[in-house]
Amino acid sequence: NLCVVGDDDQSIYKFRGATIENIM
């Protein structure tokens, strides 16, 4: 029962290690 909320168009923290693949 995992609910994630996000916006693939607002991923701006790749330089901090954010991984867009998590939501994609």
PDB file of all heavy atoms in Angstrom:
ATOM      1  N   ASN A   1       0.845  -1.195   0.000  1.00  0.00           N
ATOM      2  CA  ASN A   1       0.000   0.000   0.000  1.00  0.00           C
ATOM      3  C   ASN A   1       0.886   1.253   0.000  1.00  0.00           C
ATOM      4  O   ASN A   1       1.025   1.951   1.004  1.00  0.00           O
ATOM      5  CB  ASN A   1      -0.937   0.017   1.209  1.00  0.00           C
ATOM      6  CG  ASN A   1      -2.027  -1.024   1.093  1.00  0.00           C
ATOM      7  OD1 ASN A   1      -2.477  -1.353  -0.004  1.00  0.00           O
ATOM      8  ND2 ASN A   1      -2.455  -1.567   2.219  1.00  0.00           N
ATOM      9  N   LEU A   2       1.481   1.508  -1.139  1.00  0.00           N
ATOM     10  CA  LEU A   2       2.370   2.652  -1.291  1.00  0.00           C
ATOM     11  C   LEU A   2       1.745   3.655  -2.252  1.00  0.00           C
ATOM     12  O   LEU A   2       1.431   3.320  -3.396  1.00  0.00           O
ATOM     13  CB  LEU A   2       3.737   2.206  -1.825  1.00  0.00           C
ATOM     14  CG  LEU A   2       4.713   3.317  -2.204  1.00  0.00           C
ATOM     15  CD1 LEU A   2       5.102   4.138  -0.980  1.00  0.00           C
ATOM     16  CD2 LEU A   2       5.958   2.726  -2.880  1.00  0.00           C
ATOM     17  N   CYS A   3       1.586   4.870  -1.775  1.00  0.00           N
ATOM     18  CA  CYS A   3       1.079   5.951  -2.620  1.00  0.00           C
ATOM     19  C   CYS A   3       2.173   7.004  -2.746  1.00  0.00           C
ATOM     20  O   CYS A   3       2.648   7.534  -1.739  1.00  0.00           O
ATOM     21  CB  CYS A   3      -0.172   6.572  -2.008  1.00  0.00           C
ATOM     22  SG  CYS A   3      -0.705   8.109  -2.800  1.00  0.00           S
ATOM     23  N   VAL A   4       2.596   7.289  -3.973  1.00  0.00           N
ATOM     24  CA  VAL A   4       3.608   8.327  -4.190  1.00  0.00           C
ATOM     25  C   VAL A   4       2.981   9.450  -5.001  1.00  0.00           C
ATOM     26  O   VAL A   4       2.199   9.218  -5.926  1.00  0.00           O
ATOM     27  CB  VAL A   4       4.865   7.775  -4.898  1.00  0.00           C
ATOM     28  CG1 VAL A   4       5.482   6.646  -4.071  1.00  0.00           C
ATOM     29  CG2 VAL A   4       4.566   7.295  -6.306  1.00  0.00           C
ATOM     30  N   VAL A   5       3.327  10.661  -4.619  1.00  0.00           N
ATOM     31  CA  VAL A   5       2.813  11.855  -5.287  1.00  0.00           C
ATOM     32  C   VAL A   5       3.997  12.614  -5.858  1.00  0.00           C
ATOM     33  O   VAL A   5       4.985  12.866  -5.149  1.00  0.00           O
ATOM     34  CB  VAL A   5       2.037  12.756  -4.305  1.00  0.00           C
ATOM     35  CG1 VAL A   5       1.468  13.972  -5.035  1.00  0.00           C
ATOM     36  CG2 VAL A   5       0.927  11.968  -3.628  1.00  0.00           C
ATOM     37  N   GLY A   6       3.928  12.964  -7.118  1.00  0.00           N
ATOM     38  CA  GLY A   6       5.045  13.689  -7.711  1.00  0.00           C
ATOM     39  C   GLY A   6       4.703  14.203  -9.088  1.00  0.00           C
ATOM     40  O   GLY A   6       3.604  13.987  -9.600  1.00  0.00           O
ATOM     41  N   ASP A   7       5.665  14.897  -9.669  1.00  0.00           N
ATOM     42  CA  ASP A   7       5.490  15.470 -11.006  1.00  0.00           C
ATOM     43  C   ASP A   7       6.773  15.282 -11.781  1.00  0.00           C
ATOM     44  O   ASP A   7       7.795  15.892 -11.465  1.00  0.00           O
ATOM     45  CB  ASP A   7       5.137  16.960 -10.888  1.00  0.00           C
ATOM     46  CG  ASP A   7       4.831  17.599 -12.240  1.00  0.00           C
ATOM     47  OD1 ASP A   7       4.893  16.882 -13.252  1.00  0.00           O
ATOM     48  OD2 ASP A   7       4.544  18.803 -12.270  1.00  0.00           O
ATOM     49  N   ASP A   8       6.717  14.418 -12.790  1.00  0.00           N
ATOM     50  CA  ASP A   8       7.911  14.158 -13.594  1.00  0.00           C
ATOM     51  C   ASP A   8       8.408  15.410 -14.302  1.00  0.00           C
ATOM     52  O   ASP A   8       9.576  15.485 -14.689  1.00  0.00           O
ATOM     53  CB  ASP A   8       7.625  13.052 -14.621  1.00  0.00           C
ATOM     54  CG  ASP A   8       6.310  13.256 -15.350  1.00  0.00           C
ATOM     55  OD1 ASP A   8       5.338  13.698 -14.708  1.00  0.00           O
ATOM     56  OD2 ASP A   8       6.233  12.971 -16.560  1.00  0.00           O
ATOM     57  N   ASP A   9       7.555  16.419 -14.459  1.00  0.00           N
ATOM     58  CA  ASP A   9       7.973  17.661 -15.111  1.00  0.00           C
ATOM     59  C   ASP A   9       8.624  18.646 -14.144  1.00  0.00           C
ATOM     60  O   ASP A   9       9.055  19.720 -14.554  1.00  0.00           O
ATOM     61  CB  ASP A   9       6.777  18.337 -15.784  1.00  0.00           C
ATOM     62  CG  ASP A   9       6.251  17.531 -16.959  1.00  0.00           C
ATOM     63  OD1 ASP A   9       7.089  16.987 -17.707  1.00  0.00           O
ATOM     64  OD2 ASP A   9       5.026  17.434 -17.122  1.00  0.00           O
ATOM     65  N   GLN A  10       8.671  18.300 -12.862  1.00  0.00           N
ATOM     66  CA  GLN A  10       9.282  19.190 -11.876  1.00  0.00           C
ATOM     67  C   GLN A  10      10.522  18.564 -11.238  1.00  0.00           C
ATOM     68  O   GLN A  10      10.915  18.937 -10.132  1.00  0.00           O
ATOM     69  CB  GLN A  10       8.277  19.549 -10.779  1.00  0.00           C
ATOM     70  CG  GLN A  10       7.122  20.395 -11.266  1.00  0.00           C
ATOM     71  CD  GLN A  10       6.269  20.898 -10.115  1.00  0.00           C
ATOM     72  OE1 GLN A  10       6.705  21.676  -9.271  1.00  0.00           O
ATOM     73  NE2 GLN A  10       5.012  20.460 -10.076  1.00  0.00           N
ATOM     74  N   SER A  11      11.137  17.635 -11.912  1.00  0.00           N
ATOM     75  CA  SER A  11      12.347  17.010 -11.384  1.00  0.00           C
ATOM     76  C   SER A  11      13.552  17.893 -11.712  1.00  0.00           C
ATOM     77  O   SER A  11      14.034  17.923 -12.843  1.00  0.00           O
ATOM     78  CB  SER A  11      12.534  15.619 -11.993  1.00  0.00           C
ATOM     79  OG  SER A  11      13.705  15.021 -11.504  1.00  0.00           O
ATOM     80  N   ILE A  12      14.040  18.619 -10.710  1.00  0.00           N
ATOM     81  CA  ILE A  12      15.134  19.574 -10.945  1.00  0.00           C
ATOM     82  C   ILE A  12      16.341  19.306 -10.050  1.00  0.00           C
ATOM     83  O   ILE A  12      17.277  20.091 -10.039  1.00  0.00           O
ATOM     84  CB  ILE A  12      14.661  21.025 -10.724  1.00  0.00           C
ATOM     85  CG1 ILE A  12      14.156  21.207  -9.288  1.00  0.00           C
ATOM     86  CG2 ILE A  12      13.572  21.392 -11.731  1.00  0.00           C
ATOM     87  CD1 ILE A  12      13.819  22.634  -8.937  1.00  0.00           C
ATOM     88  N   TYR A  13      16.312  18.195  -9.305  1.00  0.00           N
ATOM     89  CA  TYR A  13      17.368  17.962  -8.329  1.00  0.00           C
ATOM     90  C   TYR A  13      18.283  16.796  -8.687  1.00  0.00           C
ATOM     91  O   TYR A  13      18.800  16.108  -7.811  1.00  0.00           O
ATOM     92  CB  TYR A  13      16.763  17.742  -6.937  1.00  0.00           C
ATOM     93  CG  TYR A  13      16.174  19.000  -6.354  1.00  0.00           C
ATOM     94  CD1 TYR A  13      14.815  19.109  -6.126  1.00  0.00           C
ATOM     95  CD2 TYR A  13      16.982  20.098  -6.059  1.00  0.00           C
ATOM     96  CE1 TYR A  13      14.256  20.275  -5.592  1.00  0.00           C
ATOM     97  CE2 TYR A  13      16.444  21.262  -5.534  1.00  0.00           C
ATOM     98  CZ  TYR A  13      15.086  21.342  -5.304  1.00  0.00           C
ATOM     99  OH  TYR A  13      14.552  22.500  -4.791  1.00  0.00           O
ATOM    100  N   LYS A  14      18.503  16.593  -9.969  1.00  0.00           N
ATOM    101  CA  LYS A  14      19.428  15.537 -10.385  1.00  0.00           C
ATOM    102  C   LYS A  14      20.825  15.791  -9.823  1.00  0.00           C
ATOM    103  O   LYS A  14      21.535  14.849  -9.451  1.00  0.00           O
ATOM    104  CB  LYS A  14      19.491  15.457 -11.906  1.00  0.00           C
ATOM    105  CG  LYS A  14      20.325  14.287 -12.414  1.00  0.00           C
ATOM    106  CD  LYS A  14      20.261  14.156 -13.931  1.00  0.00           C
ATOM    107  CE  LYS A  14      21.064  12.950 -14.395  1.00  0.00           C
ATOM    108  NZ  LYS A  14      20.988  12.779 -15.869  1.00  0.00           N
ATOM    109  N   PHE A  15      21.213  17.069  -9.718  1.00  0.00           N
ATOM    110  CA  PHE A  15      22.543  17.400  -9.191  1.00  0.00           C
ATOM    111  C   PHE A  15      22.679  17.023  -7.725  1.00  0.00           C
ATOM    112  O   PHE A  15      23.786  16.931  -7.202  1.00  0.00           O
ATOM    113  CB  PHE A  15      22.844  18.897  -9.393  1.00  0.00           C
ATOM    114  CG  PHE A  15      22.001  19.816  -8.549  1.00  0.00           C
ATOM    115  CD1 PHE A  15      22.499  20.311  -7.353  1.00  0.00           C
ATOM    116  CD2 PHE A  15      20.736  20.191  -8.944  1.00  0.00           C
ATOM    117  CE1 PHE A  15      21.730  21.166  -6.569  1.00  0.00           C
ATOM    118  CE2 PHE A  15      19.965  21.054  -8.182  1.00  0.00           C
ATOM    119  CZ  PHE A  15      20.471  21.542  -6.976  1.00  0.00           C
ATOM    120  N   ARG A  16      21.547  16.793  -7.038  1.00  0.00           N
ATOM    121  CA  ARG A  16      21.577  16.348  -5.644  1.00  0.00           C
ATOM    122  C   ARG A  16      21.365  14.841  -5.522  1.00  0.00           C
ATOM    123  O   ARG A  16      21.221  14.323  -4.425  1.00  0.00           O
ATOM    124  CB  ARG A  16      20.481  17.059  -4.837  1.00  0.00           C
ATOM    125  CG  ARG A  16      20.718  18.539  -4.616  1.00  0.00           C
ATOM    126  CD  ARG A  16      19.661  19.068  -3.672  1.00  0.00           C
ATOM    127  NE  ARG A  16      19.675  20.512  -3.565  1.00  0.00           N
ATOM    128  CZ  ARG A  16      18.754  21.226  -2.930  1.00  0.00           C
ATOM    129  NH1 ARG A  16      17.726  20.595  -2.356  1.00  0.00           N
ATOM    130  NH2 ARG A  16      18.827  22.534  -2.869  1.00  0.00           N
ATOM    131  N   GLY A  17      21.322  14.160  -6.635  1.00  0.00           N
ATOM    132  CA  GLY A  17      21.167  12.710  -6.597  1.00  0.00           C
ATOM    133  C   GLY A  17      19.776  12.210  -6.917  1.00  0.00           C
ATOM    134  O   GLY A  17      19.532  11.001  -6.904  1.00  0.00           O
ATOM    135  N   ALA A  18      18.832  13.136  -7.184  1.00  0.00           N
ATOM    136  CA  ALA A  18      17.474  12.700  -7.514  1.00  0.00           C
ATOM    137  C   ALA A  18      17.488  11.853  -8.779  1.00  0.00           C
ATOM    138  O   ALA A  18      18.217  12.132  -9.731  1.00  0.00           O
ATOM    139  CB  ALA A  18      16.568  13.908  -7.708  1.00  0.00           C
ATOM    140  N   THR A  19      16.672  10.807  -8.761  1.00  0.00           N
ATOM    141  CA  THR A  19      16.625   9.857  -9.875  1.00  0.00           C
ATOM    142  C   THR A  19      15.237   9.869 -10.485  1.00  0.00           C
ATOM    143  O   THR A  19      14.285   9.328  -9.913  1.00  0.00           O
ATOM    144  CB  THR A  19      16.968   8.438  -9.373  1.00  0.00           C
ATOM    145  OG1 THR A  19      18.206   8.475  -8.660  1.00  0.00           O
ATOM    146  CG2 THR A  19      17.083   7.467 -10.531  1.00  0.00           C
ATOM    147  N   ILE A  20      15.110  10.480 -11.673  1.00  0.00           N
ATOM    148  CA  ILE A  20      13.814  10.578 -12.330  1.00  0.00           C
ATOM    149  C   ILE A  20      13.249   9.191 -12.638  1.00  0.00           C
ATOM    150  O   ILE A  20      12.032   8.999 -12.715  1.00  0.00           O
ATOM    151  CB  ILE A  20      13.928  11.420 -13.629  1.00  0.00           C
ATOM    152  CG1 ILE A  20      12.547  11.696 -14.241  1.00  0.00           C
ATOM    153  CG2 ILE A  20      14.826  10.726 -14.650  1.00  0.00           C
ATOM    154  CD1 ILE A  20      11.653  12.568 -13.420  1.00  0.00           C
ATOM    155  N   GLU A  21      14.139   8.188 -12.747  1.00  0.00           N
ATOM    156  CA  GLU A  21      13.680   6.819 -13.041  1.00  0.00           C
ATOM    157  C   GLU A  21      12.745   6.286 -11.960  1.00  0.00           C
ATOM    158  O   GLU A  21      11.912   5.411 -12.228  1.00  0.00           O
ATOM    159  CB  GLU A  21      14.880   5.886 -13.202  1.00  0.00           C
ATOM    160  CG  GLU A  21      15.654   6.051 -14.502  1.00  0.00           C
ATOM    161  CD  GLU A  21      16.557   7.285 -14.486  1.00  0.00           C
ATOM    162  OE1 GLU A  21      16.835   7.806 -13.386  1.00  0.00           O
ATOM    163  OE2 GLU A  21      16.966   7.719 -15.581  1.00  0.00           O
ATOM    164  N   ASN A  22      12.881   6.789 -10.725  1.00  0.00           N
ATOM    165  CA  ASN A  22      12.012   6.297  -9.652  1.00  0.00           C
ATOM    166  C   ASN A  22      10.542   6.507  -9.980  1.00  0.00           C
ATOM    167  O   ASN A  22       9.710   5.631  -9.745  1.00  0.00           O
ATOM    168  CB  ASN A  22      12.365   6.985  -8.332  1.00  0.00           C
ATOM    169  CG  ASN A  22      13.685   6.522  -7.764  1.00  0.00           C
ATOM    170  OD1 ASN A  22      14.276   5.561  -8.259  1.00  0.00           O
ATOM    171  ND2 ASN A  22      14.171   7.191  -6.736  1.00  0.00           N
ATOM    172  N   ILE A  23      10.221   7.680 -10.507  1.00  0.00           N
ATOM    173  CA  ILE A  23       8.820   7.959 -10.842  1.00  0.00           C
ATOM    174  C   ILE A  23       8.469   7.403 -12.224  1.00  0.00           C
ATOM    175  O   ILE A  23       7.358   6.926 -12.451  1.00  0.00           O
ATOM    176  CB  ILE A  23       8.519   9.470 -10.753  1.00  0.00           C
ATOM    177  CG1 ILE A  23       7.011   9.711 -10.705  1.00  0.00           C
ATOM    178  CG2 ILE A  23       9.161  10.264 -11.895  1.00  0.00           C
ATOM    179  CD1 ILE A  23       6.634  11.134 -10.326  1.00  0.00           C
ATOM    180  N   MET A  24       9.431   7.423 -13.139  1.00  0.00           N
ATOM    181  CA  MET A  24       9.165   6.919 -14.491  1.00  0.00           C
ATOM    182  C   MET A  24       8.923   5.409 -14.494  1.00  0.00           C
ATOM    183  O   MET A  24       8.131   4.895 -15.286  1.00  0.00           O
ATOM    184  CB  MET A  24      10.337   7.254 -15.420  1.00  0.00           C
ATOM    185  CG  MET A  24      10.582   8.750 -15.630  1.00  0.00           C
ATOM    186  SD  MET A  24       9.171   9.602 -16.390  1.00  0.00           S
ATOM    187  CE  MET A  24       9.169   8.842 -18.013  1.00  0.00           C
TER     188      MET A  24
END
